[in-house]
Amino acid sequence: MTRKSKKQYILESAANIVNRQGTDYLTLDAVAKEASISKGGLLYHVKNREGLIKELVNSGAINLVHGFFNAGPNCLSMCLIPPSPPAR
């Protein structure tokens, strides 16, 4: 079992806050509290709130791309092509 990096743990904590409460509640103080680290420790890994959001988006985009590759050849057509309307 591999251990998560501190940055991964921070990003997961930020994502949890957004999922539970929305983006208005995504503050550096809230993330530090959720991740059980000091605000200074958080700032060692991310420069500011904007940097945290960019990291969060980038990590999500990377996970999405990996998901496409791991899902098989039909994933793009299933995910990107809208379903046909129901027959009448």
PDB file of N, CA and C in Angstrom:
ATOM      1  N   MET A   1       0.845  -1.180   0.000  1.00  0.00           N
ATOM      2  CA  MET A   1       0.000   0.000   0.000  1.00  0.00           C
ATOM      3  C   MET A   1       0.890   1.242   0.000  1.00  0.00           C
ATOM      4  N   THR A   2       0.621   2.149  -0.960  1.00  0.00           N
ATOM      5  CA  THR A   2       1.431   3.358  -1.045  1.00  0.00           C
ATOM      6  C   THR A   2       0.828   4.450  -0.173  1.00  0.00           C
ATOM      7  N   ARG A   3       1.697   5.234   0.400  1.00  0.00           N
ATOM      8  CA  ARG A   3       1.280   6.326   1.263  1.00  0.00           C
ATOM      9  C   ARG A   3       1.003   7.569   0.420  1.00  0.00           C
ATOM     10  N   LYS A   4      -0.068   8.275   0.724  1.00  0.00           N
ATOM     11  CA  LYS A   4      -0.401   9.489  -0.006  1.00  0.00           C
ATOM     12  C   LYS A   4       0.567  10.597   0.365  1.00  0.00           C
ATOM     13  N   SER A   5       0.886  11.422  -0.617  1.00  0.00           N
ATOM     14  CA  SER A   5       1.722  12.576  -0.327  1.00  0.00           C
ATOM     15  C   SER A   5       0.889  13.615   0.415  1.00  0.00           C
ATOM     16  N   LYS A   6       1.554  14.523   1.081  1.00  0.00           N
ATOM     17  CA  LYS A   6       0.857  15.584   1.808  1.00  0.00           C
ATOM     18  C   LYS A   6       0.016  16.413   0.841  1.00  0.00           C
ATOM     19  N   LYS A   7       0.548  16.654  -0.353  1.00  0.00           N
ATOM     20  CA  LYS A   7      -0.191  17.449  -1.336  1.00  0.00           C
ATOM     21  C   LYS A   7      -1.471  16.722  -1.770  1.00  0.00           C
ATOM     22  N   GLN A   8      -1.396  15.404  -1.972  1.00  0.00           N
ATOM     23  CA  GLN A   8      -2.592  14.636  -2.322  1.00  0.00           C
ATOM     24  C   GLN A   8      -3.629  14.737  -1.206  1.00  0.00           C
ATOM     25  N   TYR A   9      -3.175  14.643   0.018  1.00  0.00           N
ATOM     26  CA  TYR A   9      -4.071  14.730   1.160  1.00  0.00           C
ATOM     27  C   TYR A   9      -4.716  16.118   1.227  1.00  0.00           C
ATOM     28  N   ILE A  10      -3.956  17.158   0.948  1.00  0.00           N
ATOM     29  CA  ILE A  10      -4.480  18.529   0.928  1.00  0.00           C
ATOM     30  C   ILE A  10      -5.539  18.673  -0.155  1.00  0.00           C
ATOM     31  N   LEU A  11      -5.258  18.158  -1.345  1.00  0.00           N
ATOM     32  CA  LEU A  11      -6.212  18.266  -2.453  1.00  0.00           C
ATOM     33  C   LEU A  11      -7.487  17.489  -2.161  1.00  0.00           C
ATOM     34  N   GLU A  12      -7.361  16.319  -1.538  1.00  0.00           N
ATOM     35  CA  GLU A  12      -8.545  15.556  -1.155  1.00  0.00           C
ATOM     36  C   GLU A  12      -9.355  16.317  -0.107  1.00  0.00           C
ATOM     37  N   SER A  13      -8.676  16.945   0.821  1.00  0.00           N
ATOM     38  CA  SER A  13      -9.363  17.742   1.842  1.00  0.00           C
ATOM     39  C   SER A  13     -10.110  18.906   1.199  1.00  0.00           C
ATOM     40  N   ALA A  14      -9.478  19.577   0.255  1.00  0.00           N
ATOM     41  CA  ALA A  14     -10.126  20.685  -0.458  1.00  0.00           C
ATOM     42  C   ALA A  14     -11.340  20.188  -1.236  1.00  0.00           C
ATOM     43  N   ALA A  15     -11.195  19.063  -1.913  1.00  0.00           N
ATOM     44  CA  ALA A  15     -12.312  18.498  -2.672  1.00  0.00           C
ATOM     45  C   ALA A  15     -13.466  18.125  -1.744  1.00  0.00           C
ATOM     46  N   ASN A  16     -13.150  17.593  -0.580  1.00  0.00           N
ATOM     47  CA  ASN A  16     -14.193  17.248   0.386  1.00  0.00           C
ATOM     48  C   ASN A  16     -14.980  18.481   0.808  1.00  0.00           C
ATOM     49  N   ILE A  17     -14.291  19.581   1.034  1.00  0.00           N
ATOM     50  CA  ILE A  17     -14.965  20.828   1.435  1.00  0.00           C
ATOM     51  C   ILE A  17     -15.899  21.300   0.323  1.00  0.00           C
ATOM     52  N   VAL A  18     -15.394  21.297  -0.904  1.00  0.00           N
ATOM     53  CA  VAL A  18     -16.213  21.743  -2.039  1.00  0.00           C
ATOM     54  C   VAL A  18     -17.430  20.836  -2.194  1.00  0.00           C
ATOM     55  N   ASN A  19     -17.240  19.531  -2.088  1.00  0.00           N
ATOM     56  CA  ASN A  19     -18.357  18.599  -2.243  1.00  0.00           C
ATOM     57  C   ASN A  19     -19.395  18.756  -1.135  1.00  0.00           C
ATOM     58  N   ARG A  20     -18.942  19.011   0.079  1.00  0.00           N
ATOM     59  CA  ARG A  20     -19.861  19.134   1.212  1.00  0.00           C
ATOM     60  C   ARG A  20     -20.557  20.489   1.273  1.00  0.00           C
ATOM     61  N   GLN A  21     -19.770  21.570   1.042  1.00  0.00           N
ATOM     62  CA  GLN A  21     -20.279  22.902   1.341  1.00  0.00           C
ATOM     63  C   GLN A  21     -20.281  23.866   0.165  1.00  0.00           C
ATOM     64  N   GLY A  22     -19.588  23.546  -0.898  1.00  0.00           N
ATOM     65  CA  GLY A  22     -19.518  24.436  -2.051  1.00  0.00           C
ATOM     66  C   GLY A  22     -18.242  25.261  -2.050  1.00  0.00           C
ATOM     67  N   THR A  23     -18.001  25.931  -3.157  1.00  0.00           N
ATOM     68  CA  THR A  23     -16.740  26.658  -3.342  1.00  0.00           C
ATOM     69  C   THR A  23     -16.616  27.890  -2.461  1.00  0.00           C
ATOM     70  N   ASP A  24     -17.736  28.449  -2.031  1.00  0.00           N
ATOM     71  CA  ASP A  24     -17.664  29.623  -1.151  1.00  0.00           C
ATOM     72  C   ASP A  24     -16.956  29.302   0.161  1.00  0.00           C
ATOM     73  N   TYR A  25     -16.982  28.047   0.566  1.00  0.00           N
ATOM     74  CA  TYR A  25     -16.387  27.640   1.837  1.00  0.00           C
ATOM     75  C   TYR A  25     -14.956  27.114   1.681  1.00  0.00           C
ATOM     76  N   LEU A  26     -14.435  27.161   0.459  1.00  0.00           N
ATOM     77  CA  LEU A  26     -13.066  26.698   0.221  1.00  0.00           C
ATOM     78  C   LEU A  26     -12.092  27.825   0.575  1.00  0.00           C
ATOM     79  N   THR A  27     -11.657  27.831   1.815  1.00  0.00           N
ATOM     80  CA  THR A  27     -10.679  28.811   2.279  1.00  0.00           C
ATOM     81  C   THR A  27      -9.426  28.067   2.719  1.00  0.00           C
ATOM     82  N   LEU A  28      -8.323  28.782   2.778  1.00  0.00           N
ATOM     83  CA  LEU A  28      -7.088  28.144   3.230  1.00  0.00           C
ATOM     84  C   LEU A  28      -7.223  27.667   4.671  1.00  0.00           C
ATOM     85  N   ASP A  29      -7.896  28.450   5.500  1.00  0.00           N
ATOM     86  CA  ASP A  29      -8.103  28.032   6.888  1.00  0.00           C
ATOM     87  C   ASP A  29      -8.924  26.748   6.967  1.00  0.00           C
ATOM     88  N   ALA A  30      -9.984  26.663   6.158  1.00  0.00           N
ATOM     89  CA  ALA A  30     -10.834  25.471   6.171  1.00  0.00           C
ATOM     90  C   ALA A  30     -10.072  24.238   5.689  1.00  0.00           C
ATOM     91  N   VAL A  31      -9.255  24.413   4.654  1.00  0.00           N
ATOM     92  CA  VAL A  31      -8.479  23.285   4.129  1.00  0.00           C
ATOM     93  C   VAL A  31      -7.440  22.839   5.153  1.00  0.00           C
ATOM     94  N   ALA A  32      -6.771  23.792   5.778  1.00  0.00           N
ATOM     95  CA  ALA A  32      -5.777  23.444   6.797  1.00  0.00           C
ATOM     96  C   ALA A  32      -6.433  22.660   7.935  1.00  0.00           C
ATOM     97  N   LYS A  33      -7.594  23.114   8.369  1.00  0.00           N
ATOM     98  CA  LYS A  33      -8.303  22.418   9.444  1.00  0.00           C
ATOM     99  C   LYS A  33      -8.718  21.017   9.006  1.00  0.00           C
ATOM    100  N   GLU A  34      -9.284  20.905   7.802  1.00  0.00           N
ATOM    101  CA  GLU A  34      -9.725  19.604   7.280  1.00  0.00           C
ATOM    102  C   GLU A  34      -8.553  18.634   7.141  1.00  0.00           C
ATOM    103  N   ALA A  35      -7.408  19.149   6.710  1.00  0.00           N
ATOM    104  CA  ALA A  35      -6.227  18.313   6.500  1.00  0.00           C
ATOM    105  C   ALA A  35      -5.417  18.111   7.780  1.00  0.00           C
ATOM    106  N   SER A  36      -5.842  18.752   8.860  1.00  0.00           N
ATOM    107  CA  SER A  36      -5.148  18.666  10.154  1.00  0.00           C
ATOM    108  C   SER A  36      -3.687  19.105  10.062  1.00  0.00           C
ATOM    109  N   ILE A  37      -3.483  20.240   9.373  1.00  0.00           N
ATOM    110  CA  ILE A  37      -2.146  20.826   9.287  1.00  0.00           C
ATOM    111  C   ILE A  37      -2.259  22.308   9.594  1.00  0.00           C
ATOM    112  N   SER A  38      -1.141  22.938   9.856  1.00  0.00           N
ATOM    113  CA  SER A  38      -1.161  24.376  10.098  1.00  0.00           C
ATOM    114  C   SER A  38      -1.342  25.116   8.773  1.00  0.00           C
ATOM    115  N   LYS A  39      -1.780  26.359   8.866  1.00  0.00           N
ATOM    116  CA  LYS A  39      -1.918  27.161   7.651  1.00  0.00           C
ATOM    117  C   LYS A  39      -0.549  27.360   6.999  1.00  0.00           C
ATOM    118  N   GLY A  40       0.500  27.515   7.814  1.00  0.00           N
ATOM    119  CA  GLY A  40       1.859  27.619   7.273  1.00  0.00           C
ATOM    120  C   GLY A  40       2.264  26.361   6.533  1.00  0.00           C
ATOM    121  N   GLY A  41       1.879  25.202   7.063  1.00  0.00           N
ATOM    122  CA  GLY A  41       2.155  23.933   6.381  1.00  0.00           C
ATOM    123  C   GLY A  41       1.431  23.844   5.051  1.00  0.00           C
ATOM    124  N   LEU A  42       0.201  24.351   5.021  1.00  0.00           N
ATOM    125  CA  LEU A  42      -0.562  24.377   3.776  1.00  0.00           C
ATOM    126  C   LEU A  42       0.109  25.286   2.761  1.00  0.00           C
ATOM    127  N   LEU A  43       0.534  26.458   3.222  1.00  0.00           N
ATOM    128  CA  LEU A  43       1.159  27.423   2.313  1.00  0.00           C
ATOM    129  C   LEU A  43       2.515  26.946   1.786  1.00  0.00           C
ATOM    130  N   TYR A  44       3.110  25.975   2.440  1.00  0.00           N
ATOM    131  CA  TYR A  44       4.336  25.370   1.917  1.00  0.00           C
ATOM    132  C   TYR A  44       4.036  24.624   0.615  1.00  0.00           C
ATOM    133  N   HIS A  45       2.834  24.057   0.523  1.00  0.00           N
ATOM    134  CA  HIS A  45       2.456  23.232  -0.635  1.00  0.00           C
ATOM    135  C   HIS A  45       1.692  24.000  -1.708  1.00  0.00           C
ATOM    136  N   VAL A  46       0.916  25.004  -1.316  1.00  0.00           N
ATOM    137  CA  VAL A  46       0.183  25.834  -2.279  1.00  0.00           C
ATOM    138  C   VAL A  46       0.425  27.295  -1.943  1.00  0.00           C
ATOM    139  N   LYS A  47       0.540  28.127  -2.976  1.00  0.00           N
ATOM    140  CA  LYS A  47       0.917  29.524  -2.774  1.00  0.00           C
ATOM    141  C   LYS A  47      -0.217  30.346  -2.157  1.00  0.00           C
ATOM    142  N   ASN A  48      -1.444  30.101  -2.623  1.00  0.00           N
ATOM    143  CA  ASN A  48      -2.613  30.855  -2.178  1.00  0.00           C
ATOM    144  C   ASN A  48      -3.871  30.098  -2.602  1.00  0.00           C
ATOM    145  N   ARG A  49      -5.045  30.692  -2.371  1.00  0.00           N
ATOM    146  CA  ARG A  49      -6.305  30.015  -2.710  1.00  0.00           C
ATOM    147  C   ARG A  49      -6.384  29.730  -4.211  1.00  0.00           C
ATOM    148  N   GLU A  50      -5.967  30.698  -5.020  1.00  0.00           N
ATOM    149  CA  GLU A  50      -5.985  30.509  -6.469  1.00  0.00           C
ATOM    150  C   GLU A  50      -5.091  29.331  -6.867  1.00  0.00           C
ATOM    151  N   GLY A  51      -3.921  29.247  -6.265  1.00  0.00           N
ATOM    152  CA  GLY A  51      -3.021  28.126  -6.538  1.00  0.00           C
ATOM    153  C   GLY A  51      -3.623  26.797  -6.118  1.00  0.00           C
ATOM    154  N   LEU A  52      -4.330  26.804  -4.989  1.00  0.00           N
ATOM    155  CA  LEU A  52      -5.007  25.589  -4.526  1.00  0.00           C
ATOM    156  C   LEU A  52      -6.066  25.154  -5.524  1.00  0.00           C
ATOM    157  N   ILE A  53      -6.849  26.101  -6.014  1.00  0.00           N
ATOM    158  CA  ILE A  53      -7.898  25.776  -6.983  1.00  0.00           C
ATOM    159  C   ILE A  53      -7.291  25.250  -8.274  1.00  0.00           C
ATOM    160  N   LYS A  54      -6.205  25.881  -8.736  1.00  0.00           N
ATOM    161  CA  LYS A  54      -5.538  25.396  -9.955  1.00  0.00           C
ATOM    162  C   LYS A  54      -5.035  23.969  -9.768  1.00  0.00           C
ATOM    163  N   GLU A  55      -4.432  23.700  -8.625  1.00  0.00           N
ATOM    164  CA  GLU A  55      -3.944  22.343  -8.329  1.00  0.00           C
ATOM    165  C   GLU A  55      -5.104  21.349  -8.301  1.00  0.00           C
ATOM    166  N   LEU A  56      -6.210  21.773  -7.716  1.00  0.00           N
ATOM    167  CA  LEU A  56      -7.387  20.920  -7.624  1.00  0.00           C
ATOM    168  C   LEU A  56      -7.931  20.595  -9.012  1.00  0.00           C
ATOM    169  N   VAL A  57      -8.027  21.609  -9.863  1.00  0.00           N
ATOM    170  CA  VAL A  57      -8.513  21.401 -11.233  1.00  0.00           C
ATOM    171  C   VAL A  57      -7.541  20.520 -12.004  1.00  0.00           C
ATOM    172  N   ASN A  58      -6.253  20.802 -11.904  1.00  0.00           N
ATOM    173  CA  ASN A  58      -5.260  20.003 -12.628  1.00  0.00           C
ATOM    174  C   ASN A  58      -5.282  18.550 -12.182  1.00  0.00           C
ATOM    175  N   SER A  59      -5.406  18.305 -10.901  1.00  0.00           N
ATOM    176  CA  SER A  59      -5.430  16.919 -10.431  1.00  0.00           C
ATOM    177  C   SER A  59      -6.688  16.222 -10.898  1.00  0.00           C
ATOM    178  N   GLY A  60      -7.807  16.947 -10.962  1.00  0.00           N
ATOM    179  CA  GLY A  60      -9.053  16.371 -11.471  1.00  0.00           C
ATOM    180  C   GLY A  60      -8.956  16.060 -12.940  1.00  0.00           C
ATOM    181  N   ALA A  61      -8.325  16.943 -13.711  1.00  0.00           N
ATOM    182  CA  ALA A  61      -8.173  16.715 -15.143  1.00  0.00           C
ATOM    183  C   ALA A  61      -7.293  15.510 -15.400  1.00  0.00           C
ATOM    184  N   ILE A  62      -6.231  15.363 -14.606  1.00  0.00           N
ATOM    185  CA  ILE A  62      -5.343  14.209 -14.772  1.00  0.00           C
ATOM    186  C   ILE A  62      -6.087  12.927 -14.457  1.00  0.00           C
ATOM    187  N   ASN A  63      -6.873  12.920 -13.378  1.00  0.00           N
ATOM    188  CA  ASN A  63      -7.637  11.731 -13.028  1.00  0.00           C
ATOM    189  C   ASN A  63      -8.665  11.392 -14.098  1.00  0.00           C
ATOM    190  N   LEU A  64      -9.273  12.404 -14.710  1.00  0.00           N
ATOM    191  CA  LEU A  64     -10.248  12.183 -15.760  1.00  0.00           C
ATOM    192  C   LEU A  64      -9.595  11.534 -16.975  1.00  0.00           C
ATOM    193  N   VAL A  65      -8.427  12.036 -17.378  1.00  0.00           N
ATOM    194  CA  VAL A  65      -7.723  11.460 -18.524  1.00  0.00           C
ATOM    195  C   VAL A  65      -7.331  10.013 -18.235  1.00  0.00           C
ATOM    196  N   HIS A  66      -6.808   9.741 -17.044  1.00  0.00           N
ATOM    197  CA  HIS A  66      -6.459   8.370 -16.686  1.00  0.00           C
ATOM    198  C   HIS A  66      -7.698   7.482 -16.698  1.00  0.00           C
ATOM    199  N   GLY A  67      -8.825   8.019 -16.273  1.00  0.00           N
ATOM    200  CA  GLY A  67     -10.076   7.265 -16.284  1.00  0.00           C
ATOM    201  C   GLY A  67     -10.482   6.880 -17.692  1.00  0.00           C
ATOM    202  N   PHE A  68     -10.313   7.800 -18.655  1.00  0.00           N
ATOM    203  CA  PHE A  68     -10.630   7.480 -20.043  1.00  0.00           C
ATOM    204  C   PHE A  68      -9.757   6.339 -20.561  1.00  0.00           C
ATOM    205  N   PHE A  69      -8.464   6.393 -20.279  1.00  0.00           N
ATOM    206  CA  PHE A  69      -7.568   5.375 -20.787  1.00  0.00           C
ATOM    207  C   PHE A  69      -7.814   4.021 -20.141  1.00  0.00           C
ATOM    208  N   ASN A  70      -8.198   4.024 -18.877  1.00  0.00           N
ATOM    209  CA  ASN A  70      -8.419   2.767 -18.172  1.00  0.00           C
ATOM    210  C   ASN A  70      -9.791   2.175 -18.414  1.00  0.00           C
ATOM    211  N   ALA A  71     -10.722   2.945 -18.968  1.00  0.00           N
ATOM    212  CA  ALA A  71     -12.098   2.478 -19.125  1.00  0.00           C
ATOM    213  C   ALA A  71     -12.304   1.643 -20.385  1.00  0.00           C
ATOM    214  N   GLY A  72     -11.386   1.683 -21.315  1.00  0.00           N
ATOM    215  CA  GLY A  72     -11.539   0.872 -22.516  1.00  0.00           C
ATOM    216  C   GLY A  72     -11.864   1.716 -23.734  1.00  0.00           C
ATOM    217  N   PRO A  73     -11.947   1.059 -24.899  1.00  0.00           N
ATOM    218  CA  PRO A  73     -12.072   1.777 -26.165  1.00  0.00           C
ATOM    219  C   PRO A  73     -13.402   2.502 -26.359  1.00  0.00           C
ATOM    220  N   ASN A  74     -14.466   2.078 -25.695  1.00  0.00           N
ATOM    221  CA  ASN A  74     -15.767   2.711 -25.913  1.00  0.00           C
ATOM    222  C   ASN A  74     -16.030   3.886 -24.996  1.00  0.00           C
ATOM    223  N   CYS A  75     -15.103   4.185 -24.096  1.00  0.00           N
ATOM    224  CA  CYS A  75     -15.348   5.223 -23.099  1.00  0.00           C
ATOM    225  C   CYS A  75     -15.607   6.584 -23.729  1.00  0.00           C
ATOM    226  N   LEU A  76     -14.785   6.989 -24.691  1.00  0.00           N
ATOM    227  CA  LEU A  76     -14.962   8.315 -25.271  1.00  0.00           C
ATOM    228  C   LEU A  76     -16.310   8.439 -25.968  1.00  0.00           C
ATOM    229  N   SER A  77     -16.701   7.410 -26.701  1.00  0.00           N
ATOM    230  CA  SER A  77     -17.989   7.501 -27.382  1.00  0.00           C
ATOM    231  C   SER A  77     -19.132   7.504 -26.380  1.00  0.00           C
ATOM    232  N   MET A  78     -19.001   6.736 -25.294  1.00  0.00           N
ATOM    233  CA  MET A  78     -20.056   6.697 -24.286  1.00  0.00           C
ATOM    234  C   MET A  78     -20.105   8.007 -23.498  1.00  0.00           C
ATOM    235  N   CYS A  79     -18.954   8.600 -23.234  1.00  0.00           N
ATOM    236  CA  CYS A  79     -18.894   9.787 -22.397  1.00  0.00           C
ATOM    237  C   CYS A  79     -19.162  11.077 -23.165  1.00  0.00           C
ATOM    238  N   LEU A  80     -18.791  11.137 -24.433  1.00  0.00           N
ATOM    239  CA  LEU A  80     -18.840  12.390 -25.162  1.00  0.00           C
ATOM    240  C   LEU A  80     -19.995  12.507 -26.145  1.00  0.00           C
ATOM    241  N   ILE A  81     -20.560  11.390 -26.586  1.00  0.00           N
ATOM    242  CA  ILE A  81     -21.653  11.427 -27.551  1.00  0.00           C
ATOM    243  C   ILE A  81     -22.962  11.364 -26.771  1.00  0.00           C
ATOM    244  N   PRO A  82     -23.827  12.359 -26.918  1.00  0.00           N
ATOM    245  CA  PRO A  82     -25.078  12.347 -26.163  1.00  0.00           C
ATOM    246  C   PRO A  82     -25.944  11.164 -26.572  1.00  0.00           C
ATOM    247  N   PRO A  83     -26.741  10.634 -25.647  1.00  0.00           N
ATOM    248  CA  PRO A  83     -27.592   9.511 -25.984  1.00  0.00           C
ATOM    249  C   PRO A  83     -28.662   9.923 -26.976  1.00  0.00           C
ATOM    250  N   SER A  84     -29.133   8.956 -27.743  1.00  0.00           N
ATOM    251  CA  SER A  84     -30.212   9.206 -28.698  1.00  0.00           C
ATOM    252  C   SER A  84     -31.502   9.462 -27.933  1.00  0.00           C
ATOM    253  N   PRO A  85     -32.381  10.302 -28.504  1.00  0.00           N
ATOM    254  CA  PRO A  85     -33.662  10.522 -27.830  1.00  0.00           C
ATOM    255  C   PRO A  85     -34.477   9.228 -27.814  1.00  0.00           C
ATOM    256  N   PRO A  86     -35.353   9.057 -26.826  1.00  0.00           N
ATOM    257  CA  PRO A  86     -36.141   7.827 -26.764  1.00  0.00           C
ATOM    258  C   PRO A  86     -37.067   7.701 -27.968  1.00  0.00           C
ATOM    259  N   ALA A  87     -37.284   6.474 -28.398  1.00  0.00           N
ATOM    260  CA  ALA A  87     -38.167   6.197 -29.523  1.00  0.00           C
ATOM    261  C   ALA A  87     -39.616   6.466 -29.108  1.00  0.00           C
ATOM    262  N   ARG A  88     -40.401   6.939 -30.067  1.00  0.00           N
ATOM    263  CA  ARG A  88     -41.818   7.220 -29.764  1.00  0.00           C
ATOM    264  C   ARG A  88     -42.679   6.068 -30.164  1.00  0.00           C
TER     265      ARG A  88
END
